[in-house]
């Protein structure tokens, strides 16, 4: 079956709350019902998107822009692929499943994330992984300030060195064989992370203000 695909008709002049467009929320609906879902006040899916496909466990956003907030909010199953950029709170409160963004993401990626994986081929904004409880976030490009702010557990994987805030502790360089398993698991996915092969990282623990059980790994 083809993925359920939301194709943005044109870039909206306002922020769009997409938290209702997840495998969890759509699994019992038909196409007509989905088109009638209200996103912002009186704005409905039909006003913004063309839809096709029938596999609700695999959702695709095409022509996506930074105006689309809360994609993957509270999702616990399935996958979401974003062909373009996305807005703030990507994967916020996520409970499982996987998200791949082929463009850039806004602020607060994975805020209060509990499980699952988010991979971003572009850049991410400020407070990436804020208040994170578990799961994995990978950002291939750059990130804004305060990555891992309030992070309790989980992993943020980066390919570029970043300036981190004071309560993120440098733990030195390490070779981590488990990354071989992680990279192998990503092979079926279309993402820049499939280009990685190094298992050598600069490891940071944090947020120390929240017991320091989370980690930020910068590939070397």
N, C-alpha and C. Protein backbone atom coordinates (compact mmCIF):
# COMPACT_ATOMS: atom_id res chain seq x y z
N UNK A 1 0.83 -1.20 0.00
CA UNK A 1 0.00 0.00 0.00
C UNK A 1 0.87 1.26 0.00
N UNK A 2 0.40 2.28 -0.67
CA UNK A 2 1.12 3.54 -0.73
C UNK A 2 0.97 4.31 0.58
N UNK A 3 2.03 5.02 0.99
CA UNK A 3 1.92 5.83 2.21
C UNK A 3 0.80 6.87 2.11
N UNK A 4 0.21 7.19 3.22
CA UNK A 4 -0.76 8.28 3.26
C UNK A 4 0.02 9.59 3.11
N UNK A 5 -0.23 10.31 2.05
CA UNK A 5 0.59 11.47 1.70
C UNK A 5 -0.22 12.76 1.77
N UNK A 6 0.34 13.73 2.50
CA UNK A 6 -0.25 15.06 2.58
C UNK A 6 0.63 16.01 1.76
N UNK A 7 0.10 16.50 0.65
CA UNK A 7 0.84 17.42 -0.21
C UNK A 7 0.33 18.83 0.02
N UNK A 8 1.20 19.69 0.55
CA UNK A 8 0.80 21.07 0.85
C UNK A 8 0.53 21.82 -0.46
N UNK A 9 -0.65 22.43 -0.56
CA UNK A 9 -1.04 23.12 -1.78
C UNK A 9 -0.23 24.38 -2.00
N UNK A 10 -0.04 25.17 -0.95
CA UNK A 10 0.79 26.38 -1.00
C UNK A 10 1.24 26.71 0.41
N UNK A 11 2.32 27.47 0.51
CA UNK A 11 2.87 27.80 1.82
C UNK A 11 1.91 28.74 2.55
N UNK A 12 1.35 28.33 3.68
CA UNK A 12 0.40 29.20 4.39
C UNK A 12 1.10 30.39 5.03
N UNK A 13 0.37 31.45 5.23
CA UNK A 13 0.91 32.67 5.84
C UNK A 13 0.86 32.61 7.37
N UNK A 14 0.40 31.48 7.91
CA UNK A 14 0.25 31.31 9.35
C UNK A 14 0.78 29.95 9.75
N UNK A 15 1.04 29.79 11.04
CA UNK A 15 1.51 28.51 11.57
C UNK A 15 0.35 27.50 11.60
N UNK A 16 0.65 26.26 11.22
CA UNK A 16 -0.36 25.20 11.17
C UNK A 16 -0.03 24.13 12.21
N UNK A 17 -0.97 23.81 13.06
CA UNK A 17 -0.80 22.79 14.09
C UNK A 17 -1.16 21.42 13.50
N UNK A 18 -0.13 20.57 13.30
CA UNK A 18 -0.32 19.28 12.63
C UNK A 18 -0.38 18.11 13.59
N UNK A 19 -0.64 18.35 14.86
CA UNK A 19 -0.58 17.28 15.84
C UNK A 19 -1.64 16.20 15.62
N UNK A 20 -2.69 16.49 14.88
CA UNK A 20 -3.72 15.49 14.63
C UNK A 20 -3.38 14.55 13.48
N UNK A 21 -2.29 14.82 12.77
CA UNK A 21 -1.95 14.05 11.57
C UNK A 21 -0.84 13.04 11.86
N UNK A 22 -1.13 12.07 12.70
CA UNK A 22 -0.19 11.01 13.06
C UNK A 22 -0.85 9.65 12.83
N UNK A 23 -0.05 8.57 12.74
CA UNK A 23 -0.66 7.24 12.59
C UNK A 23 -1.64 6.91 13.71
N UNK A 24 -1.36 7.35 14.93
CA UNK A 24 -2.25 7.07 16.05
C UNK A 24 -3.62 7.72 15.86
N UNK A 25 -3.61 8.98 15.42
CA UNK A 25 -4.86 9.75 15.34
C UNK A 25 -5.68 9.41 14.10
N UNK A 26 -5.04 8.90 13.05
CA UNK A 26 -5.72 8.70 11.77
C UNK A 26 -6.12 7.26 11.48
N UNK A 27 -5.69 6.32 12.31
CA UNK A 27 -5.81 4.90 11.98
C UNK A 27 -7.25 4.43 11.77
N UNK A 28 -8.24 5.06 12.39
CA UNK A 28 -9.62 4.61 12.26
C UNK A 28 -10.47 5.50 11.35
N UNK A 29 -9.82 6.39 10.58
CA UNK A 29 -10.55 7.34 9.74
C UNK A 29 -10.41 6.98 8.26
N UNK A 30 -11.38 7.41 7.46
CA UNK A 30 -11.26 7.27 6.02
C UNK A 30 -10.83 8.61 5.42
N UNK A 31 -10.58 8.62 4.11
CA UNK A 31 -10.04 9.82 3.46
C UNK A 31 -10.97 11.02 3.63
N UNK A 32 -12.26 10.81 3.51
CA UNK A 32 -13.21 11.92 3.63
C UNK A 32 -13.17 12.52 5.03
N UNK A 33 -13.09 11.66 6.03
CA UNK A 33 -13.02 12.15 7.41
C UNK A 33 -11.73 12.91 7.67
N UNK A 34 -10.63 12.44 7.09
CA UNK A 34 -9.35 13.13 7.27
C UNK A 34 -9.40 14.53 6.68
N UNK A 35 -9.98 14.66 5.51
CA UNK A 35 -10.06 15.98 4.87
C UNK A 35 -10.86 16.98 5.70
N UNK A 36 -11.74 16.50 6.55
CA UNK A 36 -12.59 17.38 7.36
C UNK A 36 -12.00 17.68 8.74
N UNK A 37 -10.83 17.14 9.04
CA UNK A 37 -10.19 17.42 10.33
C UNK A 37 -9.85 18.90 10.42
N UNK A 38 -10.22 19.52 11.54
CA UNK A 38 -9.89 20.93 11.78
C UNK A 38 -8.51 21.02 12.43
N UNK A 39 -7.64 21.83 11.85
CA UNK A 39 -6.28 21.98 12.35
C UNK A 39 -6.13 23.25 13.18
N UNK A 40 -6.44 24.39 12.59
CA UNK A 40 -6.36 25.68 13.28
C UNK A 40 -7.72 26.36 13.21
N UNK A 41 -8.37 26.49 14.35
CA UNK A 41 -9.67 27.16 14.36
C UNK A 41 -10.58 26.57 13.29
N UNK A 42 -10.88 27.29 12.22
CA UNK A 42 -11.78 26.78 11.18
C UNK A 42 -11.04 26.21 9.98
N UNK A 43 -9.71 26.21 10.02
CA UNK A 43 -8.93 25.70 8.89
C UNK A 43 -8.91 24.18 8.93
N UNK A 44 -9.31 23.56 7.83
CA UNK A 44 -9.38 22.10 7.74
C UNK A 44 -8.26 21.56 6.85
N UNK A 45 -8.04 20.26 6.95
CA UNK A 45 -7.03 19.60 6.12
C UNK A 45 -7.28 19.88 4.65
N UNK A 46 -8.54 19.83 4.22
CA UNK A 46 -8.87 20.02 2.81
C UNK A 46 -8.49 21.41 2.30
N UNK A 47 -8.41 22.38 3.21
CA UNK A 47 -8.04 23.75 2.83
C UNK A 47 -6.55 23.89 2.53
N UNK A 48 -5.74 22.98 3.06
CA UNK A 48 -4.29 23.11 2.97
C UNK A 48 -3.60 22.01 2.18
N UNK A 49 -4.18 20.80 2.19
CA UNK A 49 -3.49 19.64 1.65
C UNK A 49 -4.33 18.90 0.61
N UNK A 50 -3.63 18.32 -0.37
CA UNK A 50 -4.18 17.22 -1.16
C UNK A 50 -3.71 15.94 -0.49
N UNK A 51 -4.55 14.92 -0.45
CA UNK A 51 -4.12 13.67 0.17
C UNK A 51 -4.34 12.50 -0.79
N UNK A 52 -3.46 11.52 -0.67
CA UNK A 52 -3.63 10.25 -1.39
C UNK A 52 -2.88 9.18 -0.64
N UNK A 53 -3.11 7.92 -1.03
CA UNK A 53 -2.50 6.79 -0.33
C UNK A 53 -3.41 6.26 0.75
N UNK A 54 -3.09 5.04 1.22
CA UNK A 54 -3.99 4.39 2.17
C UNK A 54 -3.26 3.72 3.34
N UNK A 55 -1.93 3.77 3.37
CA UNK A 55 -1.19 3.16 4.47
C UNK A 55 -1.00 4.17 5.58
N UNK A 56 -1.87 4.11 6.59
CA UNK A 56 -1.84 5.09 7.67
C UNK A 56 -0.67 4.91 8.62
N UNK A 57 0.04 3.77 8.51
CA UNK A 57 1.22 3.56 9.35
C UNK A 57 2.45 4.28 8.78
N UNK A 58 2.37 4.70 7.53
CA UNK A 58 3.46 5.45 6.89
C UNK A 58 2.88 6.74 6.33
N UNK A 59 3.26 7.85 6.93
CA UNK A 59 2.73 9.15 6.53
C UNK A 59 3.85 9.97 5.90
N UNK A 60 3.54 10.68 4.82
CA UNK A 60 4.50 11.52 4.13
C UNK A 60 3.92 12.93 4.00
N UNK A 61 4.74 13.94 4.32
CA UNK A 61 4.40 15.34 4.07
C UNK A 61 5.24 15.83 2.90
N UNK A 62 4.58 16.23 1.80
CA UNK A 62 5.28 16.76 0.65
C UNK A 62 5.12 18.28 0.57
N UNK A 63 6.12 18.93 -0.02
CA UNK A 63 6.14 20.40 -0.12
C UNK A 63 6.10 21.05 1.26
N UNK A 64 6.58 20.34 2.25
CA UNK A 64 6.48 20.82 3.63
C UNK A 64 7.33 22.08 3.84
N UNK A 65 6.85 22.96 4.73
CA UNK A 65 7.57 24.20 5.03
C UNK A 65 7.65 24.40 6.54
N UNK A 66 8.37 25.42 6.94
CA UNK A 66 8.55 25.73 8.36
C UNK A 66 7.28 26.21 9.04
N UNK A 67 6.22 26.36 8.29
CA UNK A 67 4.94 26.77 8.88
C UNK A 67 4.20 25.59 9.52
N UNK A 68 4.67 24.38 9.32
CA UNK A 68 3.99 23.19 9.84
C UNK A 68 4.59 22.78 11.18
N UNK A 69 3.89 23.09 12.26
CA UNK A 69 4.35 22.79 13.62
C UNK A 69 3.76 21.47 14.13
N UNK A 70 4.39 20.92 15.16
CA UNK A 70 3.89 19.77 15.91
C UNK A 70 3.70 18.51 15.05
N UNK A 71 4.47 18.36 14.00
CA UNK A 71 4.41 17.11 13.24
C UNK A 71 4.91 15.97 14.13
N UNK A 72 4.16 14.87 14.20
CA UNK A 72 4.56 13.72 15.01
C UNK A 72 4.33 13.88 16.49
N UNK A 73 3.54 14.86 16.89
CA UNK A 73 3.28 15.08 18.32
C UNK A 73 2.61 13.85 18.95
N UNK A 74 3.19 13.33 19.99
CA UNK A 74 2.66 12.19 20.76
C UNK A 74 2.52 10.91 19.95
N UNK A 75 3.15 10.80 18.80
CA UNK A 75 3.02 9.56 18.03
C UNK A 75 3.70 8.42 18.78
N UNK A 76 3.14 7.22 18.64
CA UNK A 76 3.68 6.05 19.33
C UNK A 76 3.93 4.89 18.39
N UNK A 77 3.68 5.08 17.09
CA UNK A 77 3.75 3.98 16.14
C UNK A 77 4.00 4.53 14.74
N UNK A 78 4.40 3.64 13.83
CA UNK A 78 4.52 4.00 12.43
C UNK A 78 5.67 4.94 12.13
N UNK A 79 5.60 5.57 10.96
CA UNK A 79 6.67 6.46 10.52
C UNK A 79 6.09 7.70 9.85
N UNK A 80 6.85 8.79 9.93
CA UNK A 80 6.51 10.03 9.23
C UNK A 80 7.75 10.49 8.49
N UNK A 81 7.58 10.78 7.19
CA UNK A 81 8.66 11.32 6.37
C UNK A 81 8.27 12.72 5.93
N UNK A 82 9.19 13.66 6.09
CA UNK A 82 8.93 15.06 5.74
C UNK A 82 9.83 15.43 4.58
N UNK A 83 9.22 15.67 3.43
CA UNK A 83 9.98 16.03 2.22
C UNK A 83 10.00 17.55 2.11
N UNK A 84 10.93 18.15 2.84
CA UNK A 84 11.03 19.60 2.94
C UNK A 84 11.35 19.99 4.36
N UNK A 85 11.06 21.23 4.71
CA UNK A 85 11.30 21.73 6.06
C UNK A 85 10.08 21.49 6.93
N UNK A 86 10.27 21.69 8.23
CA UNK A 86 9.13 21.64 9.16
C UNK A 86 9.33 22.70 10.23
N UNK A 87 8.29 22.95 11.00
CA UNK A 87 8.32 24.00 12.00
C UNK A 87 8.79 23.53 13.37
N UNK A 88 8.23 24.15 14.39
CA UNK A 88 8.64 23.88 15.77
C UNK A 88 7.98 22.62 16.33
N UNK A 89 8.59 22.10 17.40
CA UNK A 89 8.06 20.97 18.17
C UNK A 89 7.89 19.69 17.34
N UNK A 90 8.81 19.46 16.43
CA UNK A 90 8.82 18.19 15.69
C UNK A 90 9.00 17.04 16.67
N UNK A 91 8.09 16.06 16.66
CA UNK A 91 8.21 14.90 17.54
C UNK A 91 8.07 15.21 19.02
N UNK A 92 7.45 16.31 19.36
CA UNK A 92 7.27 16.63 20.78
C UNK A 92 6.40 15.58 21.46
N UNK A 93 6.78 15.20 22.68
CA UNK A 93 6.03 14.19 23.44
C UNK A 93 5.93 12.85 22.72
N UNK A 94 6.86 12.57 21.85
CA UNK A 94 6.84 11.35 21.04
C UNK A 94 6.98 10.12 21.94
N UNK A 95 6.22 9.06 21.62
CA UNK A 95 6.22 7.83 22.42
C UNK A 95 6.78 6.63 21.68
N UNK A 96 7.02 6.76 20.39
CA UNK A 96 7.53 5.64 19.60
C UNK A 96 7.43 5.94 18.12
N UNK A 97 7.89 5.00 17.29
CA UNK A 97 7.88 5.21 15.85
C UNK A 97 9.10 5.99 15.40
N UNK A 98 9.10 6.43 14.16
CA UNK A 98 10.24 7.12 13.60
C UNK A 98 9.85 8.27 12.70
N UNK A 99 10.65 9.35 12.73
CA UNK A 99 10.45 10.52 11.88
C UNK A 99 11.74 10.81 11.14
N UNK A 100 11.63 11.02 9.83
CA UNK A 100 12.77 11.47 9.02
C UNK A 100 12.38 12.77 8.36
N UNK A 101 13.17 13.82 8.60
CA UNK A 101 12.96 15.13 7.97
C UNK A 101 14.11 15.37 7.00
N UNK A 102 13.80 15.55 5.73
CA UNK A 102 14.84 15.74 4.72
C UNK A 102 15.31 17.19 4.62
N UNK A 103 14.64 18.09 5.30
CA UNK A 103 15.03 19.49 5.30
C UNK A 103 15.46 19.95 6.67
N UNK A 104 15.14 21.20 6.99
CA UNK A 104 15.46 21.78 8.28
C UNK A 104 14.26 21.72 9.21
N UNK A 105 14.54 21.67 10.51
CA UNK A 105 13.48 21.66 11.52
C UNK A 105 13.60 22.92 12.38
N UNK A 106 12.49 23.31 13.00
CA UNK A 106 12.46 24.50 13.83
C UNK A 106 12.97 24.24 15.24
N UNK A 107 12.43 24.99 16.18
CA UNK A 107 12.85 24.91 17.58
C UNK A 107 12.16 23.75 18.30
N UNK A 108 12.78 23.35 19.42
CA UNK A 108 12.20 22.37 20.35
C UNK A 108 11.94 21.01 19.71
N UNK A 109 12.83 20.55 18.85
CA UNK A 109 12.71 19.19 18.31
C UNK A 109 12.73 18.18 19.46
N UNK A 110 11.78 17.25 19.48
CA UNK A 110 11.76 16.19 20.48
C UNK A 110 11.52 16.67 21.91
N UNK A 111 10.87 17.80 22.06
CA UNK A 111 10.58 18.29 23.41
C UNK A 111 9.78 17.25 24.20
N UNK A 112 10.28 16.86 25.37
CA UNK A 112 9.66 15.85 26.24
C UNK A 112 9.46 14.50 25.54
N UNK A 113 10.31 14.20 24.60
CA UNK A 113 10.28 12.92 23.88
C UNK A 113 10.57 11.77 24.85
N UNK A 114 9.82 10.67 24.73
CA UNK A 114 9.96 9.52 25.62
C UNK A 114 10.50 8.27 24.93
N UNK A 115 10.34 8.16 23.65
CA UNK A 115 10.75 6.95 22.93
C UNK A 115 10.72 7.25 21.43
N UNK A 116 11.40 6.40 20.63
CA UNK A 116 11.37 6.58 19.18
C UNK A 116 12.63 7.24 18.66
N UNK A 117 12.60 7.60 17.37
CA UNK A 117 13.77 8.18 16.72
C UNK A 117 13.36 9.30 15.78
N UNK A 118 14.12 10.39 15.82
CA UNK A 118 13.95 11.53 14.91
C UNK A 118 15.27 11.76 14.19
N UNK A 119 15.26 11.77 12.86
CA UNK A 119 16.46 12.04 12.06
C UNK A 119 16.20 13.26 11.19
N UNK A 120 17.11 14.22 11.25
CA UNK A 120 16.97 15.47 10.50
C UNK A 120 18.19 15.62 9.59
N UNK A 121 17.96 15.64 8.29
CA UNK A 121 19.07 15.75 7.34
C UNK A 121 19.63 17.16 7.27
N UNK A 122 18.84 18.15 7.65
CA UNK A 122 19.28 19.54 7.62
C UNK A 122 19.66 20.04 9.00
N UNK A 123 19.25 21.27 9.30
CA UNK A 123 19.57 21.91 10.57
C UNK A 123 18.37 21.86 11.52
N UNK A 124 18.63 22.11 12.78
CA UNK A 124 17.56 22.20 13.78
C UNK A 124 17.76 23.49 14.58
N UNK A 125 16.67 24.01 15.13
CA UNK A 125 16.70 25.27 15.85
C UNK A 125 17.16 25.13 17.29
N UNK A 126 16.78 26.07 18.12
CA UNK A 126 17.20 26.09 19.52
C UNK A 126 16.44 25.06 20.34
N UNK A 127 17.02 24.70 21.48
CA UNK A 127 16.42 23.78 22.45
C UNK A 127 16.10 22.40 21.84
N UNK A 128 16.95 21.93 20.97
CA UNK A 128 16.79 20.58 20.42
C UNK A 128 16.92 19.56 21.55
N UNK A 129 15.97 18.64 21.66
CA UNK A 129 16.00 17.64 22.73
C UNK A 129 15.69 18.19 24.10
N UNK A 130 15.03 19.33 24.17
CA UNK A 130 14.70 19.91 25.47
C UNK A 130 13.78 18.98 26.27
N UNK A 131 14.09 18.83 27.54
CA UNK A 131 13.27 18.04 28.49
C UNK A 131 13.09 16.60 28.01
N UNK A 132 14.02 16.11 27.24
CA UNK A 132 13.96 14.77 26.66
C UNK A 132 14.06 13.71 27.76
N UNK A 133 13.23 12.67 27.66
CA UNK A 133 13.19 11.60 28.66
C UNK A 133 13.82 10.30 28.16
N UNK A 134 13.80 10.07 26.86
CA UNK A 134 14.40 8.88 26.25
C UNK A 134 14.26 9.02 24.73
N UNK A 135 14.85 8.06 24.00
CA UNK A 135 14.78 8.09 22.55
C UNK A 135 16.07 8.61 21.93
N UNK A 136 16.05 8.79 20.61
CA UNK A 136 17.23 9.23 19.86
C UNK A 136 16.85 10.33 18.88
N UNK A 137 17.66 11.38 18.87
CA UNK A 137 17.52 12.47 17.89
C UNK A 137 18.84 12.59 17.15
N UNK A 138 18.80 12.57 15.82
CA UNK A 138 20.00 12.78 15.01
C UNK A 138 19.83 14.02 14.16
N UNK A 139 20.83 14.91 14.19
CA UNK A 139 20.81 16.11 13.36
C UNK A 139 22.08 16.13 12.52
N UNK A 140 21.95 16.04 11.21
CA UNK A 140 23.11 15.99 10.33
C UNK A 140 23.75 17.37 10.15
N UNK A 141 22.94 18.40 10.18
CA UNK A 141 23.44 19.76 10.02
C UNK A 141 23.78 20.40 11.36
N UNK A 142 23.58 21.69 11.46
CA UNK A 142 23.88 22.42 12.70
C UNK A 142 22.63 22.51 13.57
N UNK A 143 22.84 22.87 14.83
CA UNK A 143 21.72 23.08 15.74
C UNK A 143 21.89 24.43 16.43
N UNK A 144 20.79 24.94 16.97
CA UNK A 144 20.84 26.19 17.71
C UNK A 144 21.32 25.97 19.14
N UNK A 145 21.26 27.02 19.93
CA UNK A 145 21.72 26.97 21.31
C UNK A 145 20.82 26.10 22.20
N UNK A 146 21.38 25.72 23.33
CA UNK A 146 20.66 25.02 24.40
C UNK A 146 20.17 23.63 24.01
N UNK A 147 20.94 22.93 23.19
CA UNK A 147 20.61 21.53 22.89
C UNK A 147 20.67 20.72 24.18
N UNK A 148 19.68 19.85 24.38
CA UNK A 148 19.64 19.00 25.57
C UNK A 148 19.27 19.73 26.84
N UNK A 149 18.69 20.91 26.75
CA UNK A 149 18.31 21.67 27.94
C UNK A 149 17.23 20.91 28.72
N UNK A 150 17.51 20.63 30.00
CA UNK A 150 16.55 19.90 30.82
C UNK A 150 16.44 18.43 30.46
N UNK A 151 17.39 17.91 29.68
CA UNK A 151 17.36 16.52 29.21
C UNK A 151 17.63 15.57 30.38
N UNK A 152 16.81 14.55 30.53
CA UNK A 152 16.97 13.57 31.62
C UNK A 152 17.65 12.29 31.15
N UNK A 153 17.26 11.78 29.99
CA UNK A 153 17.88 10.61 29.38
C UNK A 153 17.78 10.76 27.87
N UNK A 154 18.27 9.74 27.14
CA UNK A 154 18.20 9.77 25.69
C UNK A 154 19.52 10.16 25.06
N UNK A 155 19.54 10.15 23.71
CA UNK A 155 20.75 10.43 22.94
C UNK A 155 20.47 11.45 21.85
N UNK A 156 21.33 12.45 21.76
CA UNK A 156 21.33 13.38 20.64
C UNK A 156 22.61 13.13 19.86
N UNK A 157 22.49 12.78 18.58
CA UNK A 157 23.63 12.44 17.73
C UNK A 157 23.85 13.57 16.72
N UNK A 158 25.06 14.13 16.71
CA UNK A 158 25.38 15.26 15.85
C UNK A 158 26.58 14.93 14.97
N UNK A 159 26.68 15.58 13.83
CA UNK A 159 27.84 15.42 12.97
C UNK A 159 28.74 16.63 13.00
N UNK A 160 28.31 17.70 13.67
CA UNK A 160 29.08 18.93 13.75
C UNK A 160 29.26 19.35 15.19
N UNK A 161 30.45 19.84 15.52
CA UNK A 161 30.70 20.34 16.87
C UNK A 161 29.81 21.55 17.15
N UNK A 162 29.31 21.64 18.36
CA UNK A 162 28.41 22.72 18.74
C UNK A 162 28.88 23.37 20.04
N UNK A 163 28.45 24.60 20.27
CA UNK A 163 28.66 25.24 21.56
C UNK A 163 27.51 24.85 22.47
N UNK A 164 27.80 24.15 23.55
CA UNK A 164 26.77 23.63 24.44
C UNK A 164 26.74 24.43 25.74
N UNK A 165 25.60 24.42 26.43
CA UNK A 165 25.47 25.25 27.62
C UNK A 165 26.18 24.63 28.82
N UNK A 166 26.24 25.38 29.90
CA UNK A 166 27.15 25.08 31.01
C UNK A 166 26.89 23.76 31.71
N UNK A 167 25.65 23.27 31.70
CA UNK A 167 25.33 22.04 32.43
C UNK A 167 25.40 20.79 31.56
N UNK A 168 26.05 20.90 30.41
CA UNK A 168 26.39 19.75 29.57
C UNK A 168 27.88 19.48 29.73
N UNK A 169 28.26 18.31 30.22
CA UNK A 169 29.63 18.01 30.63
C UNK A 169 30.39 17.23 29.57
N UNK A 170 31.56 17.74 29.19
CA UNK A 170 32.43 17.05 28.24
C UNK A 170 33.03 15.80 28.90
N UNK A 171 32.83 14.63 28.28
CA UNK A 171 33.34 13.36 28.82
C UNK A 171 34.48 12.77 27.98
N UNK A 172 35.00 13.54 27.05
CA UNK A 172 36.13 13.07 26.26
C UNK A 172 35.71 12.30 25.02
N UNK A 173 36.72 11.75 24.32
CA UNK A 173 36.47 11.01 23.08
C UNK A 173 36.37 9.51 23.36
N UNK A 174 35.51 8.84 22.61
CA UNK A 174 35.26 7.41 22.82
C UNK A 174 34.98 6.75 21.47
N UNK A 175 35.27 5.46 21.40
CA UNK A 175 34.83 4.63 20.28
C UNK A 175 33.65 3.80 20.76
N UNK A 176 32.51 3.94 20.10
CA UNK A 176 31.28 3.31 20.56
C UNK A 176 30.80 2.29 19.53
N UNK A 177 31.09 1.00 19.75
CA UNK A 177 30.70 -0.03 18.78
C UNK A 177 29.19 -0.12 18.54
N UNK A 178 28.38 0.31 19.52
CA UNK A 178 26.93 0.20 19.32
C UNK A 178 26.46 1.04 18.14
N UNK A 179 27.28 2.04 17.74
CA UNK A 179 26.88 2.86 16.60
C UNK A 179 26.82 2.04 15.31
N UNK A 180 27.60 0.96 15.24
CA UNK A 180 27.53 0.07 14.08
C UNK A 180 26.14 -0.53 13.94
N UNK A 181 25.56 -0.92 15.06
CA UNK A 181 24.20 -1.47 15.05
C UNK A 181 23.19 -0.39 14.70
N UNK A 182 23.38 0.80 15.24
CA UNK A 182 22.48 1.90 14.94
C UNK A 182 22.51 2.23 13.45
N UNK A 183 23.71 2.40 12.89
CA UNK A 183 23.81 2.75 11.48
C UNK A 183 23.24 1.65 10.58
N UNK A 184 23.42 0.39 10.99
CA UNK A 184 22.87 -0.72 10.21
C UNK A 184 21.35 -0.68 10.20
N UNK A 185 20.77 -0.31 11.34
CA UNK A 185 19.31 -0.24 11.44
C UNK A 185 18.73 0.88 10.59
N UNK A 186 19.56 1.87 10.21
CA UNK A 186 19.08 3.00 9.42
C UNK A 186 19.15 2.75 7.92
N UNK A 187 19.79 1.64 7.51
CA UNK A 187 19.99 1.37 6.08
C UNK A 187 18.70 1.38 5.26
N UNK A 188 17.58 0.87 5.79
CA UNK A 188 16.36 0.89 4.97
C UNK A 188 15.78 2.29 4.78
N UNK A 189 16.27 3.27 5.53
CA UNK A 189 15.71 4.62 5.50
C UNK A 189 16.45 5.49 4.49
N UNK A 190 15.73 6.42 3.89
CA UNK A 190 16.35 7.40 3.00
C UNK A 190 16.75 8.60 3.85
N UNK A 191 18.02 8.67 4.23
CA UNK A 191 18.51 9.74 5.08
C UNK A 191 20.02 9.88 4.91
N UNK A 192 20.54 11.07 5.15
CA UNK A 192 21.98 11.31 5.07
C UNK A 192 22.75 10.50 6.10
N UNK A 193 22.07 10.05 7.14
CA UNK A 193 22.76 9.27 8.18
C UNK A 193 23.26 7.93 7.65
N UNK A 194 22.78 7.52 6.49
CA UNK A 194 23.31 6.30 5.87
C UNK A 194 24.72 6.49 5.33
N UNK A 195 25.19 7.74 5.29
CA UNK A 195 26.54 8.02 4.80
C UNK A 195 27.59 7.86 5.89
N UNK A 196 27.16 7.70 7.14
CA UNK A 196 28.08 7.68 8.27
C UNK A 196 28.70 6.31 8.48
N UNK A 197 29.96 6.30 8.91
CA UNK A 197 30.62 5.02 9.19
C UNK A 197 31.55 5.11 10.40
N UNK A 198 31.81 6.31 10.92
CA UNK A 198 32.72 6.47 12.05
C UNK A 198 32.01 6.16 13.37
N UNK A 199 32.71 5.46 14.25
CA UNK A 199 32.17 5.14 15.57
C UNK A 199 32.87 5.94 16.66
N UNK A 200 33.72 6.89 16.24
CA UNK A 200 34.47 7.71 17.19
C UNK A 200 33.70 8.99 17.45
N UNK A 201 33.48 9.32 18.72
CA UNK A 201 32.66 10.47 19.07
C UNK A 201 33.29 11.27 20.21
N UNK A 202 32.91 12.53 20.27
CA UNK A 202 33.11 13.34 21.48
C UNK A 202 31.81 13.21 22.26
N UNK A 203 31.91 12.71 23.50
CA UNK A 203 30.69 12.45 24.27
C UNK A 203 30.51 13.51 25.35
N UNK A 204 29.26 13.96 25.46
CA UNK A 204 28.88 14.93 26.49
C UNK A 204 27.73 14.34 27.31
N UNK A 205 27.77 14.51 28.62
CA UNK A 205 26.70 14.05 29.50
C UNK A 205 25.87 15.25 29.94
N UNK A 206 24.59 15.01 30.09
CA UNK A 206 23.74 16.11 30.56
C UNK A 206 22.27 15.83 30.37
N UNK A 207 21.48 16.68 30.76
CA UNK A 207 21.77 17.93 31.44
C UNK A 207 22.08 17.64 32.91
N UNK A 208 23.24 18.12 33.42
CA UNK A 208 23.64 17.83 34.79
C UNK A 208 22.66 18.41 35.80
N UNK A 209 21.89 19.39 35.39
CA UNK A 209 20.86 19.93 36.28
C UNK A 209 19.70 18.95 36.45
N UNK A 210 19.68 17.90 35.61
CA UNK A 210 18.61 16.88 35.67
C UNK A 210 19.25 15.49 35.76
N UNK A 211 20.25 15.32 36.61
CA UNK A 211 20.93 14.05 36.91
C UNK A 211 21.96 13.61 35.87
N UNK A 212 21.96 14.21 34.71
CA UNK A 212 23.03 13.96 33.74
C UNK A 212 23.03 12.60 33.09
N UNK A 213 21.88 11.94 32.97
CA UNK A 213 21.83 10.61 32.35
C UNK A 213 21.64 10.66 30.83
N UNK A 214 21.40 11.83 30.29
CA UNK A 214 21.33 11.96 28.84
C UNK A 214 22.71 12.10 28.24
N UNK A 215 22.80 12.04 26.91
CA UNK A 215 24.10 12.18 26.27
C UNK A 215 23.96 12.87 24.91
N UNK A 216 24.98 13.63 24.58
CA UNK A 216 25.11 14.24 23.25
C UNK A 216 26.40 13.68 22.65
N UNK A 217 26.29 13.05 21.49
CA UNK A 217 27.44 12.43 20.82
C UNK A 217 27.73 13.22 19.54
N UNK A 218 28.96 13.71 19.42
CA UNK A 218 29.38 14.44 18.22
C UNK A 218 30.35 13.55 17.46
N UNK A 219 29.99 13.11 16.28
CA UNK A 219 30.84 12.22 15.49
C UNK A 219 32.11 12.91 15.06
N UNK A 220 33.22 12.20 15.14
CA UNK A 220 34.52 12.76 14.77
C UNK A 220 35.00 12.20 13.43
